[in-house]
Amino acid sequence: MDSSCFTESIYNLIPSDLKEPPQPPRYKSIFKTTIKNDMKKIKTAMKTMGPAKVEVPSPKDFLKKHSKEKTLPPKKKFDRNQPKKPAVPLRTDHPVMGIQSGKNFINTNAADVIMGVAKKPKPIYVDKRTGDKHDLETSGLVPKYINKKDYGITPEYICKRNEEIKKAQEEYDNYIQENLKKAAMKRLSDEERDAVLQGLKKNWEEVHKEFQSLSVFIDSVPKKIRKQKLEKEMKQLEHDIGVIEKHKIIYIANNAQ
């Protein structure tokens, strides 16, 4: 009997559990590490707020009117007989062959490098541990302006403006003095002004002390009237003190003494 033939058995009637085939291993790209490093470099370069530094346009190079319009080339005289393209070479013409140069380019380049002046590196500064580089000259860290000849000297236009302001103030003072003499006005001296100011402050302290001595409960009409009177006097004294402190020059009429 052939062994490959199906043999009949009672055990074949028992239902058997189907075994699922094992899953193949998960796919993993071999370029994962390279892509991850590239993305990390790009993100690290933009950690300082946005993309890399871009040169800011100069205020002198502002946009002018009609500057973006295309300009036509200058008009040329058209010559119909002039050929447009060079003539096509003939079949019998042959290019020049066999031209060689005796120049030694290796020695020439080496001599140029040895005798040439070394290029100075551009000054930069780094402000982050990640290595963000910036131009040092435009950063303000290089003391360029203090080395100028006119550093610390007041410009001429400011001196001229100060002289004009001083002259205008003198003319205004003279004009006021003339008008005051005509109107019979008198200017308070600094001593008189200080004496008036100290007197007003002393009066305010006395009224304030009297105001503080009022009773806590104001339950009668005379008390209310007295409180309102003291508040009015304090307010008027505060106003007068503020006016005198604000204005250093005060004029009064001669008949008001």
C-alpha atoms as a PDB file:
ATOM      1  CA  MET A   1       0.000   0.000   0.000  1.00  0.00           C
ATOM      2  CA  ASP A   2       1.313   3.465  -0.888  1.00  0.00           C
ATOM      3  CA  SER A   3       2.326   5.483   2.188  1.00  0.00           C
ATOM      4  CA  SER A   4       1.293   8.756   0.544  1.00  0.00           C
ATOM      5  CA  CYS A   5      -2.335   7.725   0.434  1.00  0.00           C
ATOM      6  CA  PHE A   6      -4.662   9.011   3.116  1.00  0.00           C
ATOM      7  CA  THR A   7      -5.058   6.480   5.911  1.00  0.00           C
ATOM      8  CA  GLU A   8      -8.442   6.152   7.492  1.00  0.00           C
ATOM      9  CA  SER A   9      -8.483   6.647  11.250  1.00  0.00           C
ATOM     10  CA  ILE A  10     -11.087   7.481  13.879  1.00  0.00           C
ATOM     11  CA  TYR A  11      -8.875  10.273  15.217  1.00  0.00           C
ATOM     12  CA  ASN A  12      -9.467  12.219  12.045  1.00  0.00           C
ATOM     13  CA  LEU A  13     -13.065  12.840  13.198  1.00  0.00           C
ATOM     14  CA  ILE A  14     -11.855  14.993  16.137  1.00  0.00           C
ATOM     15  CA  PRO A  15     -11.931  18.718  15.159  1.00  0.00           C
ATOM     16  CA  SER A  16      -8.463  20.264  15.394  1.00  0.00           C
ATOM     17  CA  ASP A  17      -7.585  23.936  16.145  1.00  0.00           C
ATOM     18  CA  LEU A  18      -6.320  25.934  13.200  1.00  0.00           C
ATOM     19  CA  LYS A  19      -2.894  27.364  13.870  1.00  0.00           C
ATOM     20  CA  GLU A  20      -2.340  30.872  12.503  1.00  0.00           C
ATOM     21  CA  PRO A  21       0.913  31.281  10.632  1.00  0.00           C
ATOM     22  CA  PRO A  22       3.450  33.539  12.402  1.00  0.00           C
ATOM     23  CA  GLN A  23       3.572  37.184  11.279  1.00  0.00           C
ATOM     24  CA  PRO A  24       6.644  38.348   9.359  1.00  0.00           C
ATOM     25  CA  PRO A  25       8.964  40.813  11.141  1.00  0.00           C
ATOM     26  CA  ARG A  26       7.984  44.506  11.033  1.00  0.00           C
ATOM     27  CA  TYR A  27       9.531  46.533   8.254  1.00  0.00           C
ATOM     28  CA  LYS A  28      12.145  49.059   9.372  1.00  0.00           C
ATOM     29  CA  SER A  29      13.838  51.442   6.960  1.00  0.00           C
ATOM     30  CA  ILE A  30      17.615  51.503   6.929  1.00  0.00           C
ATOM     31  CA  PHE A  31      17.543  55.310   6.323  1.00  0.00           C
ATOM     32  CA  LYS A  32      15.627  56.106   9.534  1.00  0.00           C
ATOM     33  CA  THR A  33      18.722  57.245  11.472  1.00  0.00           C
ATOM     34  CA  THR A  34      19.975  59.434   8.606  1.00  0.00           C
ATOM     35  CA  ILE A  35      16.639  61.195   8.167  1.00  0.00           C
ATOM     36  CA  LYS A  36      16.324  61.703  11.929  1.00  0.00           C
ATOM     37  CA  ASN A  37      19.759  63.372  12.116  1.00  0.00           C
ATOM     38  CA  ASP A  38      18.968  65.623   9.142  1.00  0.00           C
ATOM     39  CA  MET A  39      15.691  66.779  10.692  1.00  0.00           C
ATOM     40  CA  LYS A  40      17.461  67.452  13.987  1.00  0.00           C
ATOM     41  CA  LYS A  41      20.041  69.680  12.260  1.00  0.00           C
ATOM     42  CA  ILE A  42      17.336  71.687  10.484  1.00  0.00           C
ATOM     43  CA  LYS A  43      15.365  72.230  13.694  1.00  0.00           C
ATOM     44  CA  THR A  44      18.482  73.160  15.675  1.00  0.00           C
ATOM     45  CA  ALA A  45      19.370  75.860  13.147  1.00  0.00           C
ATOM     46  CA  MET A  46      15.958  77.527  13.669  1.00  0.00           C
ATOM     47  CA  LYS A  47      15.840  77.497  17.458  1.00  0.00           C
ATOM     48  CA  THR A  48      16.729  81.165  17.770  1.00  0.00           C
ATOM     49  CA  MET A  49      13.345  82.413  16.417  1.00  0.00           C
ATOM     50  CA  GLY A  50      12.666  81.663  12.772  1.00  0.00           C
ATOM     51  CA  PRO A  51      15.022  80.861   9.886  1.00  0.00           C
ATOM     52  CA  ALA A  52      18.607  82.028   9.443  1.00  0.00           C
ATOM     53  CA  LYS A  53      19.470  85.714   9.595  1.00  0.00           C
ATOM     54  CA  VAL A  54      18.753  87.678   6.439  1.00  0.00           C
ATOM     55  CA  GLU A  55      20.382  91.005   5.647  1.00  0.00           C
ATOM     56  CA  VAL A  56      18.005  93.902   6.281  1.00  0.00           C
ATOM     57  CA  PRO A  57      17.717  96.328   3.352  1.00  0.00           C
ATOM     58  CA  SER A  58      19.335  99.718   3.847  1.00  0.00           C
ATOM     59  CA  PRO A  59      17.038 102.739   4.416  1.00  0.00           C
ATOM     60  CA  LYS A  60      18.884 104.527   1.610  1.00  0.00           C
ATOM     61  CA  ASP A  61      17.774 101.891  -0.924  1.00  0.00           C
ATOM     62  CA  PHE A  62      14.069 102.632  -0.586  1.00  0.00           C
ATOM     63  CA  LEU A  63      11.600 101.860  -3.352  1.00  0.00           C
ATOM     64  CA  LYS A  64      11.336 104.731  -5.808  1.00  0.00           C
ATOM     65  CA  LYS A  65       8.679 105.629  -8.300  1.00  0.00           C
ATOM     66  CA  HIS A  66       8.869 103.770 -11.610  1.00  0.00           C
ATOM     67  CA  SER A  67      11.903 101.818 -10.347  1.00  0.00           C
ATOM     68  CA  LYS A  68      10.279  98.440 -11.077  1.00  0.00           C
ATOM     69  CA  GLU A  69       9.269  99.307 -14.613  1.00  0.00           C
ATOM     70  CA  LYS A  70      11.212  97.513 -17.305  1.00  0.00           C
ATOM     71  CA  THR A  71      13.430  99.798 -19.349  1.00  0.00           C
ATOM     72  CA  LEU A  72      13.735  99.161 -23.055  1.00  0.00           C
ATOM     73  CA  PRO A  73      17.203  98.827 -24.592  1.00  0.00           C
ATOM     74  CA  PRO A  74      18.461 101.753 -26.672  1.00  0.00           C
ATOM     75  CA  LYS A  75      17.135 101.842 -30.178  1.00  0.00           C
ATOM     76  CA  LYS A  76      19.594 100.631 -32.804  1.00  0.00           C
ATOM     77  CA  LYS A  77      19.578 101.318 -36.477  1.00  0.00           C
ATOM     78  CA  PHE A  78      18.439  98.271 -38.386  1.00  0.00           C
ATOM     79  CA  ASP A  79      20.609  97.172 -41.273  1.00  0.00           C
ATOM     80  CA  ARG A  80      18.908  94.645 -43.519  1.00  0.00           C
ATOM     81  CA  ASN A  81      22.111  93.657 -45.323  1.00  0.00           C
ATOM     82  CA  GLN A  82      23.992  92.806 -42.123  1.00  0.00           C
ATOM     83  CA  PRO A  83      24.170  89.011 -41.582  1.00  0.00           C
ATOM     84  CA  LYS A  84      22.418  87.789 -38.464  1.00  0.00           C
ATOM     85  CA  LYS A  85      24.565  84.689 -37.876  1.00  0.00           C
ATOM     86  CA  PRO A  86      28.072  83.636 -38.943  1.00  0.00           C
ATOM     87  CA  ALA A  87      28.314  81.576 -42.049  1.00  0.00           C
ATOM     88  CA  VAL A  88      28.176  77.799 -41.764  1.00  0.00           C
ATOM     89  CA  PRO A  89      31.654  76.236 -42.210  1.00  0.00           C
ATOM     90  CA  LEU A  90      32.232  74.273 -45.379  1.00  0.00           C
ATOM     91  CA  ARG A  91      32.721  70.542 -45.506  1.00  0.00           C
ATOM     92  CA  THR A  92      36.309  71.008 -46.595  1.00  0.00           C
ATOM     93  CA  ASP A  93      37.197  73.217 -43.591  1.00  0.00           C
ATOM     94  CA  HIS A  94      38.923  71.423 -40.724  1.00  0.00           C
ATOM     95  CA  PRO A  95      39.568  72.743 -37.177  1.00  0.00           C
ATOM     96  CA  VAL A  96      43.103  73.493 -36.050  1.00  0.00           C
ATOM     97  CA  MET A  97      44.485  70.443 -34.253  1.00  0.00           C
ATOM     98  CA  GLY A  98      47.583  69.691 -32.217  1.00  0.00           C
ATOM     99  CA  ILE A  99      47.953  73.042 -30.392  1.00  0.00           C
ATOM    100  CA  GLN A 100      49.674  72.471 -27.013  1.00  0.00           C
ATOM    101  CA  SER A 101      50.795  74.832 -24.260  1.00  0.00           C
ATOM    102  CA  GLY A 102      54.104  74.549 -22.432  1.00  0.00           C
ATOM    103  CA  LYS A 103      52.732  76.119 -19.264  1.00  0.00           C
ATOM    104  CA  ASN A 104      52.960  74.032 -16.096  1.00  0.00           C
ATOM    105  CA  PHE A 105      49.627  74.707 -14.424  1.00  0.00           C
ATOM    106  CA  ILE A 106      50.469  72.729 -11.264  1.00  0.00           C
ATOM    107  CA  ASN A 107      53.587  74.768 -10.491  1.00  0.00           C
ATOM    108  CA  THR A 108      51.821  78.005 -11.423  1.00  0.00           C
ATOM    109  CA  ASN A 109      48.888  77.314  -9.097  1.00  0.00           C
ATOM    110  CA  ALA A 110      51.237  76.295  -6.277  1.00  0.00           C
ATOM    111  CA  ALA A 111      53.262  79.517  -6.688  1.00  0.00           C
ATOM    112  CA  ASP A 112      50.087  81.624  -6.693  1.00  0.00           C
ATOM    113  CA  VAL A 113      48.935  79.981  -3.440  1.00  0.00           C
ATOM    114  CA  ILE A 114      52.334  80.403  -1.741  1.00  0.00           C
ATOM    115  CA  MET A 115      52.841  84.023  -2.799  1.00  0.00           C
ATOM    116  CA  GLY A 116      49.220  85.081  -2.354  1.00  0.00           C
ATOM    117  CA  VAL A 117      47.958  86.967   0.692  1.00  0.00           C
ATOM    118  CA  ALA A 118      45.989  84.852   3.140  1.00  0.00           C
ATOM    119  CA  LYS A 119      42.309  85.665   3.286  1.00  0.00           C
ATOM    120  CA  LYS A 120      41.222  86.979   6.665  1.00  0.00           C
ATOM    121  CA  PRO A 121      38.247  85.204   8.213  1.00  0.00           C
ATOM    122  CA  LYS A 122      35.075  87.183   8.667  1.00  0.00           C
ATOM    123  CA  PRO A 123      34.627  88.202  12.347  1.00  0.00           C
ATOM    124  CA  ILE A 124      31.642  86.469  13.906  1.00  0.00           C
ATOM    125  CA  TYR A 125      30.239  85.818  17.366  1.00  0.00           C
ATOM    126  CA  VAL A 126      28.300  82.881  18.795  1.00  0.00           C
ATOM    127  CA  ASP A 127      25.546  83.517  21.336  1.00  0.00           C
ATOM    128  CA  LYS A 128      24.117  80.011  21.751  1.00  0.00           C
ATOM    129  CA  ARG A 129      25.571  76.692  22.729  1.00  0.00           C
ATOM    130  CA  THR A 130      24.157  75.238  19.522  1.00  0.00           C
ATOM    131  CA  GLY A 131      26.614  77.374  17.542  1.00  0.00           C
ATOM    132  CA  ASP A 132      24.419  80.112  16.025  1.00  0.00           C
ATOM    133  CA  LYS A 133      26.805  82.460  14.206  1.00  0.00           C
ATOM    134  CA  HIS A 134      26.166  86.155  13.567  1.00  0.00           C
ATOM    135  CA  ASP A 135      28.096  88.992  11.969  1.00  0.00           C
ATOM    136  CA  LEU A 136      30.230  90.833  14.549  1.00  0.00           C
ATOM    137  CA  GLU A 137      30.503  94.177  12.732  1.00  0.00           C
ATOM    138  CA  THR A 138      26.745  94.794  12.587  1.00  0.00           C
ATOM    139  CA  SER A 139      26.058  93.486  16.100  1.00  0.00           C
ATOM    140  CA  GLY A 140      27.053  96.655  17.988  1.00  0.00           C
ATOM    141  CA  LEU A 141      29.740  94.868  20.008  1.00  0.00           C
ATOM    142  CA  VAL A 142      32.593  96.486  18.075  1.00  0.00           C
ATOM    143  CA  PRO A 143      33.383 100.041  19.326  1.00  0.00           C
ATOM    144  CA  LYS A 144      33.317 101.825  15.962  1.00  0.00           C
ATOM    145  CA  TYR A 145      31.576 105.102  16.796  1.00  0.00           C
ATOM    146  CA  ILE A 146      33.677 106.056  19.841  1.00  0.00           C
ATOM    147  CA  ASN A 147      36.761 106.087  17.632  1.00  0.00           C
ATOM    148  CA  LYS A 148      35.348 108.743  15.344  1.00  0.00           C
ATOM    149  CA  LYS A 149      36.797 112.258  15.426  1.00  0.00           C
ATOM    150  CA  ASP A 150      33.452 113.924  16.109  1.00  0.00           C
ATOM    151  CA  TYR A 151      32.380 111.476  18.837  1.00  0.00           C
ATOM    152  CA  GLY A 152      30.996 113.280  21.900  1.00  0.00           C
ATOM    153  CA  ILE A 153      30.904 116.673  20.135  1.00  0.00           C
ATOM    154  CA  THR A 154      27.584 118.453  19.965  1.00  0.00           C
ATOM    155  CA  PRO A 155      26.470 118.756  16.321  1.00  0.00           C
ATOM    156  CA  GLU A 156      26.426 122.188  14.752  1.00  0.00           C
ATOM    157  CA  TYR A 157      22.689 122.166  14.068  1.00  0.00           C
ATOM    158  CA  ILE A 158      21.950 121.547  17.765  1.00  0.00           C
ATOM    159  CA  CYS A 159      24.243 124.415  18.841  1.00  0.00           C
ATOM    160  CA  LYS A 160      22.572 126.667  16.291  1.00  0.00           C
ATOM    161  CA  ARG A 161      19.123 125.608  17.484  1.00  0.00           C
ATOM    162  CA  ASN A 162      20.058 126.253  21.130  1.00  0.00           C
ATOM    163  CA  GLU A 163      21.288 129.737  20.231  1.00  0.00           C
ATOM    164  CA  GLU A 164      18.042 130.463  18.390  1.00  0.00           C
ATOM    165  CA  ILE A 165      15.990 129.246  21.371  1.00  0.00           C
ATOM    166  CA  LYS A 166      18.059 131.364  23.774  1.00  0.00           C
ATOM    167  CA  LYS A 167      17.706 134.422  21.565  1.00  0.00           C
ATOM    168  CA  ALA A 168      13.947 133.899  21.234  1.00  0.00           C
ATOM    169  CA  GLN A 169      13.634 133.536  25.032  1.00  0.00           C
ATOM    170  CA  GLU A 170      15.569 136.785  25.588  1.00  0.00           C
ATOM    171  CA  GLU A 171      13.360 138.613  23.101  1.00  0.00           C
ATOM    172  CA  TYR A 172      10.255 137.219  24.788  1.00  0.00           C
ATOM    173  CA  ASP A 173      11.526 138.285  28.244  1.00  0.00           C
ATOM    174  CA  ASN A 174      12.260 141.788  26.975  1.00  0.00           C
ATOM    175  CA  TYR A 175       8.808 141.968  25.438  1.00  0.00           C
ATOM    176  CA  ILE A 176       7.204 140.851  28.707  1.00  0.00           C
ATOM    177  CA  GLN A 177       9.254 143.367  30.710  1.00  0.00           C
ATOM    178  CA  GLU A 178       8.146 146.200  28.468  1.00  0.00           C
ATOM    179  CA  ASN A 179       4.492 145.174  28.701  1.00  0.00           C
ATOM    180  CA  LEU A 180       4.746 144.819  32.485  1.00  0.00           C
ATOM    181  CA  LYS A 181       6.250 148.265  32.808  1.00  0.00           C
ATOM    182  CA  LYS A 182       3.398 149.636  30.739  1.00  0.00           C
ATOM    183  CA  ALA A 183       0.808 147.755  32.813  1.00  0.00           C
ATOM    184  CA  ALA A 184       2.500 148.685  36.127  1.00  0.00           C
ATOM    185  CA  MET A 185       3.243 145.069  37.110  1.00  0.00           C
ATOM    186  CA  LYS A 186       5.856 143.928  39.592  1.00  0.00           C
ATOM    187  CA  ARG A 187       7.777 140.694  39.588  1.00  0.00           C
ATOM    188  CA  LEU A 188       8.084 138.754  42.842  1.00  0.00           C
ATOM    189  CA  SER A 189      11.654 138.064  43.873  1.00  0.00           C
ATOM    190  CA  ASP A 190      12.776 134.563  44.832  1.00  0.00           C
ATOM    191  CA  GLU A 191      12.813 135.490  48.546  1.00  0.00           C
ATOM    192  CA  GLU A 192       9.268 136.850  48.423  1.00  0.00           C
ATOM    193  CA  ARG A 193       8.072 133.832  46.475  1.00  0.00           C
ATOM    194  CA  ASP A 194       9.612 131.431  49.024  1.00  0.00           C
ATOM    195  CA  ALA A 195       8.108 133.417  51.899  1.00  0.00           C
ATOM    196  CA  VAL A 196       4.616 133.272  50.342  1.00  0.00           C
ATOM    197  CA  LEU A 197       5.009 129.548  49.631  1.00  0.00           C
ATOM    198  CA  GLN A 198       6.110 128.781  53.215  1.00  0.00           C
ATOM    199  CA  GLY A 199       3.211 130.851  54.576  1.00  0.00           C
ATOM    200  CA  LEU A 200       0.680 128.951  52.479  1.00  0.00           C
ATOM    201  CA  LYS A 201       2.136 125.619  53.611  1.00  0.00           C
ATOM    202  CA  LYS A 202       2.002 126.730  57.242  1.00  0.00           C
ATOM    203  CA  ASN A 203      -1.648 127.776  56.860  1.00  0.00           C
ATOM    204  CA  TRP A 204      -2.423 124.423  55.234  1.00  0.00           C
ATOM    205  CA  GLU A 205      -0.839 122.567  58.177  1.00  0.00           C
ATOM    206  CA  GLU A 206      -2.914 124.569  60.676  1.00  0.00           C
ATOM    207  CA  VAL A 207      -6.159 123.954  58.761  1.00  0.00           C
ATOM    208  CA  HIS A 208      -5.260 120.266  58.362  1.00  0.00           C
ATOM    209  CA  LYS A 209      -4.554 119.956  62.091  1.00  0.00           C
ATOM    210  CA  GLU A 210      -7.913 121.547  62.829  1.00  0.00           C
ATOM    211  CA  PHE A 211      -9.560 119.182  60.337  1.00  0.00           C
ATOM    212  CA  GLN A 212      -7.959 116.159  62.032  1.00  0.00           C
ATOM    213  CA  SER A 213      -9.343 117.274  65.393  1.00  0.00           C
ATOM    214  CA  LEU A 214     -12.938 116.965  64.211  1.00  0.00           C
ATOM    215  CA  SER A 215     -15.081 114.271  65.750  1.00  0.00           C
ATOM    216  CA  VAL A 216     -15.466 110.945  64.034  1.00  0.00           C
ATOM    217  CA  PHE A 217     -19.262 111.068  63.974  1.00  0.00           C
ATOM    218  CA  ILE A 218     -20.696 114.141  62.288  1.00  0.00           C
ATOM    219  CA  ASP A 219     -24.311 113.983  63.370  1.00  0.00           C
ATOM    220  CA  SER A 220     -25.269 117.645  63.427  1.00  0.00           C
ATOM    221  CA  VAL A 221     -25.631 120.439  60.892  1.00  0.00           C
ATOM    222  CA  PRO A 222     -22.977 122.777  62.449  1.00  0.00           C
ATOM    223  CA  LYS A 223     -20.414 119.948  62.342  1.00  0.00           C
ATOM    224  CA  LYS A 224     -21.157 119.316  58.662  1.00  0.00           C
ATOM    225  CA  ILE A 225     -20.860 123.016  57.834  1.00  0.00           C
ATOM    226  CA  ARG A 226     -17.554 123.269  59.718  1.00  0.00           C
ATOM    227  CA  LYS A 227     -16.163 120.179  57.944  1.00  0.00           C
ATOM    228  CA  GLN A 228     -17.162 121.527  54.504  1.00  0.00           C
ATOM    229  CA  LYS A 229     -15.565 124.893  55.314  1.00  0.00           C
ATOM    230  CA  LEU A 230     -12.269 123.291  56.343  1.00  0.00           C
ATOM    231  CA  GLU A 231     -12.224 121.071  53.245  1.00  0.00           C
ATOM    232  CA  LYS A 232     -12.832 124.097  51.035  1.00  0.00           C
ATOM    233  CA  GLU A 233     -10.003 126.046  52.704  1.00  0.00           C
ATOM    234  CA  MET A 234      -7.586 123.083  52.348  1.00  0.00           C
ATOM    235  CA  LYS A 235      -8.499 122.665  48.683  1.00  0.00           C
ATOM    236  CA  GLN A 236      -7.918 126.361  47.962  1.00  0.00           C
ATOM    237  CA  LEU A 237      -4.567 126.333  49.793  1.00  0.00           C
ATOM    238  CA  GLU A 238      -3.451 123.219  47.861  1.00  0.00           C
ATOM    239  CA  HIS A 239      -4.374 124.934  44.591  1.00  0.00           C
ATOM    240  CA  ASP A 240      -2.421 128.083  45.511  1.00  0.00           C
ATOM    241  CA  ILE A 241       0.633 126.058  46.563  1.00  0.00           C
ATOM    242  CA  GLY A 242       0.555 124.102  43.294  1.00  0.00           C
ATOM    243  CA  VAL A 243       0.343 127.291  41.210  1.00  0.00           C
ATOM    244  CA  ILE A 244       3.300 128.926  42.993  1.00  0.00           C
ATOM    245  CA  GLU A 245       5.444 125.764  42.799  1.00  0.00           C
ATOM    246  CA  LYS A 246       4.675 125.336  39.101  1.00  0.00           C
ATOM    247  CA  HIS A 247       5.545 128.906  38.057  1.00  0.00           C
ATOM    248  CA  LYS A 248       8.918 130.238  39.130  1.00  0.00           C
ATOM    249  CA  ILE A 249       8.263 133.715  37.713  1.00  0.00           C
ATOM    250  CA  ILE A 250       5.206 135.494  39.182  1.00  0.00           C
ATOM    251  CA  TYR A 251       4.003 139.026  38.493  1.00  0.00           C
ATOM    252  CA  ILE A 252       1.561 141.003  40.633  1.00  0.00           C
ATOM    253  CA  ALA A 253      -0.008 144.409  40.304  1.00  0.00           C
ATOM    254  CA  ASN A 254       1.527 147.261  42.275  1.00  0.00           C
ATOM    255  CA  ASN A 255      -1.832 148.104  43.836  1.00  0.00           C
ATOM    256  CA  ALA A 256      -2.219 144.480  45.097  1.00  0.00           C
ATOM    257  CA  GLN A 257       0.486 144.871  47.791  1.00  0.00           C
END
